[in-house]
Amino acid sequence: MAGTVRHHGAIISAGVLLGTGLGGFVDGILLHQLLQWHNMLSSRLPPTDLVSAKINMFWDGLFHAFTWWVTVIGLALLWRAGKRPEVPWSTRTFVGSLVLGWGAFNVVEGLIDHQLLGIHHVHPGAGQLAWDLGFLLFGALQVVGGWALVRSGRKDTRPRGAGVPTVPRDRMATRRV
């Protein structure tokens, strides 16, 4: 295996998609459901009556369906990467990719939904711009930190299973007796 070319791209793409989906779930579960600070359309259609609340809930459901699909695609890519011997298993690369994906979700969602379309804000009311900017800053810091971890993981070239002691099959058979 010495001299074999290693490809980190498969683990990075899987991690970024998983991070994007999981970051979306954290956003939806924490901000939409537990804290109930906003819904997908709460700035355009405040949930002040049952019909408006149901419409917002429907759009929150579409948002969660999207994050679920992104997570499933990320898991499928991770599964495929796990079957490829040229993909090194690097904790720094994978965790960095997860953080990068979550941060990218925050930045894109914050710019589009909070600033460009204004369909909702992180915490509407007094200080909503500060909450929105804090959300963007948190996402940007995640992108930078995740990218730094991914870059530091480039040095990780150990193939899967390297350094893990294995028991030869013939010895395993004699242990069962």
N, C-alpha and C. Protein backbone atom coordinates (compact mmCIF):
# COMPACT_ATOMS: atom_id res chain seq x y z
N MET A 1 0.81 -1.19 0.00
CA MET A 1 0.00 0.00 0.00
C MET A 1 0.85 1.25 0.00
N ALA A 2 2.14 1.13 0.25
CA ALA A 2 3.00 2.30 0.25
C ALA A 2 2.98 2.91 -1.14
N GLY A 3 2.90 4.24 -1.18
CA GLY A 3 2.89 4.93 -2.46
C GLY A 3 1.52 5.02 -3.10
N THR A 4 0.50 4.43 -2.49
CA THR A 4 -0.84 4.50 -3.04
C THR A 4 -1.38 5.92 -2.89
N VAL A 5 -2.00 6.42 -3.94
CA VAL A 5 -2.59 7.76 -3.90
C VAL A 5 -3.83 7.72 -3.01
N ARG A 6 -3.96 8.72 -2.15
CA ARG A 6 -5.10 8.82 -1.24
C ARG A 6 -6.00 9.95 -1.70
N HIS A 7 -7.31 9.72 -1.63
CA HIS A 7 -8.29 10.72 -2.05
C HIS A 7 -9.20 11.06 -0.89
N HIS A 8 -9.11 12.30 -0.44
CA HIS A 8 -9.92 12.76 0.69
C HIS A 8 -11.29 13.27 0.25
N GLY A 9 -11.47 13.51 -1.04
CA GLY A 9 -12.70 14.13 -1.54
C GLY A 9 -13.98 13.39 -1.17
N ALA A 10 -13.92 12.07 -1.18
CA ALA A 10 -15.13 11.29 -0.88
C ALA A 10 -15.58 11.48 0.56
N ILE A 11 -14.64 11.51 1.49
CA ILE A 11 -14.99 11.69 2.89
C ILE A 11 -15.39 13.14 3.16
N ILE A 12 -14.79 14.08 2.42
CA ILE A 12 -15.13 15.50 2.59
C ILE A 12 -16.55 15.76 2.11
N SER A 13 -16.90 15.26 0.94
CA SER A 13 -18.25 15.52 0.41
C SER A 13 -19.31 14.87 1.30
N ALA A 14 -19.03 13.67 1.79
CA ALA A 14 -19.98 13.01 2.71
C ALA A 14 -20.13 13.83 3.99
N GLY A 15 -19.02 14.29 4.55
CA GLY A 15 -19.07 15.06 5.78
C GLY A 15 -19.77 16.40 5.61
N VAL A 16 -19.52 17.07 4.49
CA VAL A 16 -20.17 18.37 4.26
C VAL A 16 -21.69 18.20 4.15
N LEU A 17 -22.13 17.18 3.41
CA LEU A 17 -23.58 16.97 3.31
C LEU A 17 -24.19 16.55 4.64
N LEU A 18 -23.51 15.68 5.37
CA LEU A 18 -24.01 15.30 6.69
C LEU A 18 -24.06 16.52 7.62
N GLY A 19 -23.02 17.33 7.59
CA GLY A 19 -23.00 18.54 8.42
C GLY A 19 -24.10 19.51 8.05
N THR A 20 -24.37 19.64 6.75
CA THR A 20 -25.44 20.52 6.29
C THR A 20 -26.79 20.02 6.80
N GLY A 21 -27.04 18.73 6.63
CA GLY A 21 -28.32 18.17 7.08
C GLY A 21 -28.48 18.23 8.58
N LEU A 22 -27.43 17.86 9.31
CA LEU A 22 -27.51 17.86 10.77
C LEU A 22 -27.61 19.29 11.31
N GLY A 23 -26.90 20.23 10.68
CA GLY A 23 -27.03 21.63 11.08
C GLY A 23 -28.44 22.15 10.85
N GLY A 24 -29.06 21.72 9.75
CA GLY A 24 -30.45 22.09 9.50
C GLY A 24 -31.38 21.52 10.55
N PHE A 25 -31.12 20.29 10.96
CA PHE A 25 -31.94 19.70 12.02
C PHE A 25 -31.79 20.45 13.33
N VAL A 26 -30.56 20.82 13.69
CA VAL A 26 -30.35 21.59 14.92
C VAL A 26 -31.12 22.91 14.84
N ASP A 27 -31.03 23.58 13.71
CA ASP A 27 -31.75 24.83 13.51
C ASP A 27 -33.26 24.62 13.66
N GLY A 28 -33.78 23.65 12.95
CA GLY A 28 -35.23 23.41 12.97
C GLY A 28 -35.73 22.94 14.32
N ILE A 29 -35.01 22.04 14.95
CA ILE A 29 -35.45 21.51 16.23
C ILE A 29 -35.28 22.55 17.33
N LEU A 30 -34.12 23.18 17.39
CA LEU A 30 -33.85 24.13 18.47
C LEU A 30 -34.61 25.44 18.30
N LEU A 31 -34.43 26.10 17.15
CA LEU A 31 -35.01 27.44 16.96
C LEU A 31 -36.49 27.41 16.61
N HIS A 32 -36.91 26.43 15.80
CA HIS A 32 -38.31 26.38 15.38
C HIS A 32 -39.19 25.72 16.43
N GLN A 33 -38.76 24.58 16.95
CA GLN A 33 -39.64 23.78 17.80
C GLN A 33 -39.44 24.00 19.29
N LEU A 34 -38.22 23.87 19.79
CA LEU A 34 -38.02 23.96 21.24
C LEU A 34 -38.11 25.41 21.75
N LEU A 35 -37.32 26.31 21.14
CA LEU A 35 -37.37 27.71 21.58
C LEU A 35 -38.56 28.46 20.99
N GLN A 36 -39.07 27.97 19.86
CA GLN A 36 -40.22 28.57 19.16
C GLN A 36 -39.99 30.06 18.86
N TRP A 37 -38.77 30.37 18.43
CA TRP A 37 -38.44 31.75 18.11
C TRP A 37 -39.00 32.16 16.75
N HIS A 38 -39.03 31.22 15.83
CA HIS A 38 -39.56 31.53 14.50
C HIS A 38 -39.98 30.24 13.80
N ASN A 39 -40.70 30.42 12.71
CA ASN A 39 -41.04 29.34 11.78
C ASN A 39 -40.53 29.76 10.41
N MET A 40 -40.65 28.90 9.43
CA MET A 40 -40.10 29.21 8.11
C MET A 40 -40.65 30.51 7.53
N LEU A 41 -41.92 30.78 7.71
CA LEU A 41 -42.52 31.97 7.10
C LEU A 41 -42.99 32.99 8.13
N SER A 42 -42.49 32.92 9.34
CA SER A 42 -43.06 33.72 10.42
C SER A 42 -42.95 35.22 10.24
N SER A 43 -42.00 35.73 9.45
CA SER A 43 -41.95 37.17 9.19
C SER A 43 -42.96 37.60 8.13
N ARG A 44 -43.30 36.70 7.23
CA ARG A 44 -44.27 37.00 6.17
C ARG A 44 -45.69 36.66 6.60
N LEU A 45 -45.81 35.61 7.41
CA LEU A 45 -47.12 35.14 7.86
C LEU A 45 -47.01 34.78 9.35
N PRO A 46 -47.10 35.80 10.22
CA PRO A 46 -46.96 35.52 11.66
C PRO A 46 -47.98 34.48 12.12
N PRO A 47 -47.53 33.49 12.89
CA PRO A 47 -48.44 32.42 13.33
C PRO A 47 -49.32 32.87 14.50
N THR A 48 -50.18 33.86 14.24
CA THR A 48 -51.03 34.42 15.30
C THR A 48 -52.40 33.76 15.37
N ASP A 49 -52.73 32.95 14.37
CA ASP A 49 -53.99 32.20 14.41
C ASP A 49 -53.71 30.78 13.94
N LEU A 50 -54.70 29.93 14.06
CA LEU A 50 -54.51 28.51 13.76
C LEU A 50 -54.13 28.28 12.30
N VAL A 51 -54.77 28.97 11.38
CA VAL A 51 -54.48 28.77 9.96
C VAL A 51 -53.04 29.17 9.65
N SER A 52 -52.60 30.32 10.14
CA SER A 52 -51.22 30.78 9.90
C SER A 52 -50.22 29.83 10.56
N ALA A 53 -50.54 29.36 11.76
CA ALA A 53 -49.65 28.41 12.44
C ALA A 53 -49.53 27.12 11.64
N LYS A 54 -50.65 26.63 11.07
CA LYS A 54 -50.62 25.40 10.28
C LYS A 54 -49.80 25.58 9.00
N ILE A 55 -49.93 26.74 8.36
CA ILE A 55 -49.16 27.00 7.14
C ILE A 55 -47.67 27.03 7.48
N ASN A 56 -47.32 27.71 8.57
CA ASN A 56 -45.91 27.75 9.00
C ASN A 56 -45.41 26.35 9.34
N MET A 57 -46.24 25.56 10.00
CA MET A 57 -45.85 24.20 10.36
C MET A 57 -45.61 23.35 9.10
N PHE A 58 -46.45 23.54 8.09
CA PHE A 58 -46.26 22.82 6.83
C PHE A 58 -44.90 23.16 6.21
N TRP A 59 -44.56 24.45 6.16
CA TRP A 59 -43.28 24.87 5.58
C TRP A 59 -42.10 24.42 6.44
N ASP A 60 -42.29 24.38 7.76
CA ASP A 60 -41.25 23.80 8.63
C ASP A 60 -41.06 22.32 8.30
N GLY A 61 -42.16 21.63 8.01
CA GLY A 61 -42.08 20.22 7.63
C GLY A 61 -41.31 20.02 6.33
N LEU A 62 -41.56 20.89 5.34
CA LEU A 62 -40.80 20.82 4.09
C LEU A 62 -39.30 21.06 4.35
N PHE A 63 -39.03 22.01 5.22
CA PHE A 63 -37.64 22.28 5.59
C PHE A 63 -37.00 21.04 6.21
N HIS A 64 -37.71 20.39 7.13
CA HIS A 64 -37.16 19.18 7.76
C HIS A 64 -37.04 18.03 6.76
N ALA A 65 -37.96 17.92 5.82
CA ALA A 65 -37.84 16.90 4.78
C ALA A 65 -36.58 17.13 3.94
N PHE A 66 -36.31 18.40 3.61
CA PHE A 66 -35.10 18.74 2.87
C PHE A 66 -33.85 18.35 3.65
N THR A 67 -33.80 18.71 4.94
CA THR A 67 -32.61 18.39 5.73
C THR A 67 -32.47 16.87 5.90
N TRP A 68 -33.60 16.17 5.97
CA TRP A 68 -33.55 14.71 6.07
C TRP A 68 -32.91 14.13 4.81
N TRP A 69 -33.34 14.59 3.63
CA TRP A 69 -32.78 14.08 2.37
C TRP A 69 -31.30 14.40 2.24
N VAL A 70 -30.90 15.59 2.63
CA VAL A 70 -29.48 15.94 2.58
C VAL A 70 -28.68 15.00 3.48
N THR A 71 -29.20 14.70 4.66
CA THR A 71 -28.54 13.78 5.60
C THR A 71 -28.46 12.37 5.01
N VAL A 72 -29.53 11.90 4.40
CA VAL A 72 -29.54 10.56 3.78
C VAL A 72 -28.50 10.49 2.66
N ILE A 73 -28.42 11.52 1.84
CA ILE A 73 -27.43 11.54 0.76
C ILE A 73 -26.02 11.54 1.35
N GLY A 74 -25.81 12.31 2.41
CA GLY A 74 -24.51 12.31 3.08
C GLY A 74 -24.15 10.94 3.63
N LEU A 75 -25.13 10.25 4.23
CA LEU A 75 -24.87 8.89 4.73
C LEU A 75 -24.54 7.93 3.59
N ALA A 76 -25.25 8.05 2.47
CA ALA A 76 -24.97 7.19 1.32
C ALA A 76 -23.55 7.43 0.80
N LEU A 77 -23.15 8.69 0.73
CA LEU A 77 -21.78 9.00 0.29
C LEU A 77 -20.74 8.48 1.28
N LEU A 78 -21.05 8.55 2.57
CA LEU A 78 -20.13 8.03 3.57
C LEU A 78 -20.00 6.52 3.44
N TRP A 79 -21.12 5.85 3.20
CA TRP A 79 -21.12 4.40 3.01
C TRP A 79 -20.24 4.03 1.81
N ARG A 80 -20.43 4.76 0.70
CA ARG A 80 -19.62 4.50 -0.49
C ARG A 80 -18.14 4.77 -0.24
N ALA A 81 -17.85 5.86 0.48
CA ALA A 81 -16.46 6.19 0.78
C ALA A 81 -15.82 5.10 1.63
N GLY A 82 -16.61 4.51 2.52
CA GLY A 82 -16.11 3.45 3.39
C GLY A 82 -15.71 2.19 2.65
N LYS A 83 -16.22 2.01 1.46
CA LYS A 83 -15.89 0.82 0.66
C LYS A 83 -14.65 1.04 -0.21
N ARG A 84 -14.18 2.28 -0.27
CA ARG A 84 -13.07 2.60 -1.17
C ARG A 84 -11.75 2.57 -0.41
N PRO A 85 -10.83 1.69 -0.81
CA PRO A 85 -9.56 1.57 -0.08
C PRO A 85 -8.67 2.80 -0.21
N GLU A 86 -8.86 3.62 -1.24
CA GLU A 86 -7.99 4.80 -1.43
C GLU A 86 -8.47 6.00 -0.62
N VAL A 87 -9.57 5.86 0.12
CA VAL A 87 -10.08 6.96 0.95
C VAL A 87 -9.58 6.76 2.38
N PRO A 88 -8.68 7.63 2.83
CA PRO A 88 -8.18 7.47 4.20
C PRO A 88 -9.23 7.91 5.22
N TRP A 89 -9.28 7.21 6.34
CA TRP A 89 -10.20 7.58 7.42
C TRP A 89 -9.47 8.55 8.32
N SER A 90 -9.83 9.80 8.21
CA SER A 90 -9.20 10.85 9.00
C SER A 90 -10.26 11.53 9.84
N THR A 91 -10.11 11.47 11.14
CA THR A 91 -11.06 12.12 12.04
C THR A 91 -11.06 13.62 11.80
N ARG A 92 -9.88 14.21 11.63
CA ARG A 92 -9.82 15.66 11.40
C ARG A 92 -10.54 16.04 10.12
N THR A 93 -10.33 15.29 9.07
CA THR A 93 -10.99 15.60 7.80
C THR A 93 -12.49 15.44 7.92
N PHE A 94 -12.95 14.37 8.54
CA PHE A 94 -14.39 14.12 8.63
C PHE A 94 -15.08 15.13 9.55
N VAL A 95 -14.53 15.34 10.75
CA VAL A 95 -15.14 16.30 11.68
C VAL A 95 -15.08 17.70 11.09
N GLY A 96 -13.97 18.04 10.45
CA GLY A 96 -13.86 19.34 9.79
C GLY A 96 -14.92 19.51 8.72
N SER A 97 -15.18 18.45 7.97
CA SER A 97 -16.21 18.49 6.92
C SER A 97 -17.60 18.67 7.52
N LEU A 98 -17.86 17.99 8.64
CA LEU A 98 -19.15 18.15 9.31
C LEU A 98 -19.36 19.59 9.76
N VAL A 99 -18.33 20.16 10.40
CA VAL A 99 -18.42 21.54 10.89
C VAL A 99 -18.54 22.50 9.73
N LEU A 100 -17.78 22.27 8.66
CA LEU A 100 -17.85 23.12 7.48
C LEU A 100 -19.25 23.09 6.86
N GLY A 101 -19.83 21.89 6.76
CA GLY A 101 -21.18 21.78 6.20
C GLY A 101 -22.23 22.49 7.04
N TRP A 102 -22.13 22.34 8.36
CA TRP A 102 -23.07 23.02 9.25
C TRP A 102 -22.91 24.53 9.13
N GLY A 103 -21.67 25.00 9.10
CA GLY A 103 -21.43 26.43 8.95
C GLY A 103 -21.92 26.96 7.62
N ALA A 104 -21.70 26.19 6.56
CA ALA A 104 -22.19 26.61 5.23
C ALA A 104 -23.71 26.70 5.24
N PHE A 105 -24.37 25.75 5.88
CA PHE A 105 -25.83 25.82 6.01
C PHE A 105 -26.22 27.12 6.70
N ASN A 106 -25.59 27.43 7.83
CA ASN A 106 -25.93 28.63 8.57
C ASN A 106 -25.73 29.89 7.74
N VAL A 107 -24.62 29.97 7.02
CA VAL A 107 -24.33 31.16 6.22
C VAL A 107 -25.34 31.30 5.08
N VAL A 108 -25.57 30.22 4.35
CA VAL A 108 -26.50 30.28 3.21
C VAL A 108 -27.92 30.56 3.70
N GLU A 109 -28.37 29.82 4.70
CA GLU A 109 -29.73 30.02 5.22
C GLU A 109 -29.87 31.42 5.82
N GLY A 110 -28.85 31.88 6.53
CA GLY A 110 -28.90 33.21 7.13
C GLY A 110 -28.93 34.32 6.10
N LEU A 111 -28.14 34.18 5.05
CA LEU A 111 -28.14 35.21 4.02
C LEU A 111 -29.44 35.22 3.21
N ILE A 112 -29.90 34.01 2.82
CA ILE A 112 -31.08 33.95 1.96
C ILE A 112 -32.36 34.20 2.75
N ASP A 113 -32.62 33.40 3.80
CA ASP A 113 -33.90 33.48 4.51
C ASP A 113 -34.00 34.71 5.41
N HIS A 114 -32.90 35.05 6.11
CA HIS A 114 -32.98 36.15 7.07
C HIS A 114 -32.77 37.50 6.39
N GLN A 115 -31.79 37.60 5.50
CA GLN A 115 -31.44 38.90 4.93
C GLN A 115 -32.10 39.16 3.58
N LEU A 116 -31.92 38.28 2.62
CA LEU A 116 -32.40 38.52 1.26
C LEU A 116 -33.93 38.45 1.16
N LEU A 117 -34.50 37.33 1.58
CA LEU A 117 -35.96 37.15 1.48
C LEU A 117 -36.70 37.68 2.70
N GLY A 118 -36.05 37.71 3.84
CA GLY A 118 -36.68 38.19 5.07
C GLY A 118 -37.90 37.38 5.49
N ILE A 119 -37.90 36.07 5.21
CA ILE A 119 -39.08 35.26 5.55
C ILE A 119 -39.14 34.92 7.03
N HIS A 120 -37.99 34.98 7.69
CA HIS A 120 -37.96 34.85 9.14
C HIS A 120 -36.62 35.37 9.64
N HIS A 121 -36.54 35.58 10.95
CA HIS A 121 -35.30 36.03 11.59
C HIS A 121 -35.01 35.07 12.74
N VAL A 122 -33.75 35.04 13.17
CA VAL A 122 -33.37 34.10 14.22
C VAL A 122 -34.26 34.32 15.45
N HIS A 123 -34.30 35.55 15.92
CA HIS A 123 -35.12 35.90 17.10
C HIS A 123 -35.76 37.26 16.81
N PRO A 124 -36.98 37.25 16.26
CA PRO A 124 -37.60 38.50 15.85
C PRO A 124 -37.87 39.44 17.02
N GLY A 125 -37.99 40.70 16.67
CA GLY A 125 -38.28 41.71 17.68
C GLY A 125 -37.06 42.59 17.90
N ALA A 126 -37.00 43.18 19.08
CA ALA A 126 -35.88 44.06 19.41
C ALA A 126 -34.57 43.29 19.28
N GLY A 127 -33.63 43.86 18.56
CA GLY A 127 -32.33 43.21 18.41
C GLY A 127 -32.28 42.11 17.38
N GLN A 128 -33.29 41.99 16.50
CA GLN A 128 -33.29 40.88 15.55
C GLN A 128 -32.10 40.92 14.60
N LEU A 129 -31.65 42.11 14.23
CA LEU A 129 -30.48 42.20 13.35
C LEU A 129 -29.24 41.64 14.05
N ALA A 130 -29.10 41.93 15.34
CA ALA A 130 -27.96 41.40 16.10
C ALA A 130 -28.01 39.88 16.14
N TRP A 131 -29.19 39.30 16.35
CA TRP A 131 -29.33 37.83 16.35
C TRP A 131 -28.97 37.27 14.98
N ASP A 132 -29.48 37.91 13.92
CA ASP A 132 -29.20 37.44 12.56
C ASP A 132 -27.70 37.52 12.25
N LEU A 133 -27.07 38.63 12.63
CA LEU A 133 -25.63 38.78 12.38
C LEU A 133 -24.82 37.79 13.22
N GLY A 134 -25.25 37.55 14.44
CA GLY A 134 -24.58 36.55 15.28
C GLY A 134 -24.67 35.16 14.68
N PHE A 135 -25.83 34.84 14.10
CA PHE A 135 -26.03 33.56 13.43
C PHE A 135 -25.07 33.44 12.24
N LEU A 136 -24.96 34.52 11.46
CA LEU A 136 -24.04 34.52 10.32
C LEU A 136 -22.59 34.41 10.78
N LEU A 137 -22.22 35.13 11.83
CA LEU A 137 -20.86 35.06 12.35
C LEU A 137 -20.54 33.66 12.86
N PHE A 138 -21.48 33.04 13.59
CA PHE A 138 -21.29 31.67 14.06
C PHE A 138 -21.06 30.73 12.88
N GLY A 139 -21.87 30.87 11.82
CA GLY A 139 -21.70 30.04 10.63
C GLY A 139 -20.37 30.27 9.95
N ALA A 140 -19.96 31.54 9.84
CA ALA A 140 -18.67 31.85 9.20
C ALA A 140 -17.51 31.26 10.01
N LEU A 141 -17.59 31.34 11.34
CA LEU A 141 -16.55 30.74 12.18
C LEU A 141 -16.52 29.23 12.02
N GLN A 142 -17.68 28.62 11.88
CA GLN A 142 -17.73 27.18 11.64
C GLN A 142 -17.07 26.83 10.31
N VAL A 143 -17.35 27.61 9.27
CA VAL A 143 -16.74 27.36 7.96
C VAL A 143 -15.23 27.45 8.05
N VAL A 144 -14.73 28.51 8.68
CA VAL A 144 -13.28 28.69 8.81
C VAL A 144 -12.66 27.57 9.65
N GLY A 145 -13.27 27.25 10.78
CA GLY A 145 -12.75 26.18 11.64
C GLY A 145 -12.80 24.83 10.96
N GLY A 146 -13.91 24.54 10.29
CA GLY A 146 -14.04 23.27 9.57
C GLY A 146 -13.02 23.15 8.45
N TRP A 147 -12.84 24.24 7.71
CA TRP A 147 -11.88 24.24 6.61
C TRP A 147 -10.46 24.01 7.15
N ALA A 148 -10.14 24.64 8.29
CA ALA A 148 -8.81 24.44 8.89
C ALA A 148 -8.61 22.98 9.30
N LEU A 149 -9.64 22.36 9.86
CA LEU A 149 -9.52 20.94 10.23
C LEU A 149 -9.35 20.05 9.00
N VAL A 150 -10.12 20.35 7.95
CA VAL A 150 -10.00 19.57 6.71
C VAL A 150 -8.58 19.69 6.15
N ARG A 151 -8.05 20.91 6.14
CA ARG A 151 -6.69 21.11 5.63
C ARG A 151 -5.65 20.37 6.47
N SER A 152 -5.83 20.39 7.79
CA SER A 152 -4.86 19.69 8.64
C SER A 152 -4.99 18.18 8.46
N GLY A 153 -6.16 17.71 8.06
CA GLY A 153 -6.37 16.29 7.83
C GLY A 153 -5.76 15.77 6.55
N ARG A 154 -5.29 16.68 5.69
CA ARG A 154 -4.63 16.23 4.44
C ARG A 154 -3.41 15.37 4.73
N LYS A 155 -2.82 15.58 5.89
CA LYS A 155 -1.62 14.81 6.26
C LYS A 155 -1.97 13.39 6.65
N ASP A 156 -3.24 13.14 6.93
CA ASP A 156 -3.67 11.80 7.35
C ASP A 156 -3.83 10.92 6.12
N THR A 157 -2.95 9.96 5.97
CA THR A 157 -2.99 9.09 4.80
C THR A 157 -3.10 7.62 5.18
N ARG A 158 -3.27 7.38 6.47
CA ARG A 158 -3.35 5.99 6.94
C ARG A 158 -4.57 5.30 6.33
N PRO A 159 -4.37 4.15 5.71
CA PRO A 159 -5.51 3.42 5.14
C PRO A 159 -6.41 2.88 6.25
N ARG A 160 -7.63 2.61 5.89
CA ARG A 160 -8.58 2.05 6.86
C ARG A 160 -8.01 0.81 7.51
N GLY A 161 -8.17 0.72 8.80
CA GLY A 161 -7.75 -0.46 9.53
C GLY A 161 -6.27 -0.53 9.84
N ALA A 162 -5.46 0.41 9.33
CA ALA A 162 -4.02 0.37 9.61
C ALA A 162 -3.79 0.64 11.09
N GLY A 163 -2.95 -0.14 11.66
CA GLY A 163 -2.62 0.04 13.06
C GLY A 163 -3.57 -0.66 14.01
N VAL A 164 -4.61 -1.27 13.48
CA VAL A 164 -5.56 -1.99 14.32
C VAL A 164 -5.18 -3.46 14.28
N PRO A 165 -4.86 -4.05 15.44
CA PRO A 165 -4.46 -5.46 15.41
C PRO A 165 -5.63 -6.35 14.98
N THR A 166 -5.31 -7.29 14.14
CA THR A 166 -6.33 -8.23 13.69
C THR A 166 -5.93 -9.64 14.09
N VAL A 167 -6.91 -10.46 14.28
CA VAL A 167 -6.67 -11.86 14.63
C VAL A 167 -6.79 -12.67 13.34
N PRO A 168 -5.75 -13.45 12.99
CA PRO A 168 -5.85 -14.27 11.77
C PRO A 168 -7.04 -15.22 11.86
N ARG A 169 -7.65 -15.51 10.72
CA ARG A 169 -8.85 -16.35 10.67
C ARG A 169 -8.61 -17.73 11.29
N ASP A 170 -7.45 -18.31 11.04
CA ASP A 170 -7.22 -19.65 11.58
C ASP A 170 -7.15 -19.63 13.11
N ARG A 171 -6.69 -18.54 13.71
CA ARG A 171 -6.67 -18.44 15.17
C ARG A 171 -8.07 -18.19 15.71
N MET A 172 -8.90 -17.49 14.94
CA MET A 172 -10.29 -17.24 15.38
C MET A 172 -11.05 -18.55 15.45
N ALA A 173 -10.81 -19.44 14.49
CA ALA A 173 -11.53 -20.72 14.46
C ALA A 173 -11.16 -21.57 15.68
N THR A 174 -9.90 -21.53 16.10
CA THR A 174 -9.51 -22.35 17.25
C THR A 174 -10.03 -21.76 18.56
N ARG A 175 -10.31 -20.48 18.61
CA ARG A 175 -10.82 -19.86 19.83
C ARG A 175 -12.28 -20.25 20.07
N ARG A 176 -12.99 -20.54 19.05
CA ARG A 176 -14.42 -20.87 19.20
C ARG A 176 -14.61 -22.23 19.84
N VAL A 177 -13.62 -23.07 19.77
CA VAL A 177 -13.74 -24.43 20.28
C VAL A 177 -13.68 -24.47 21.76
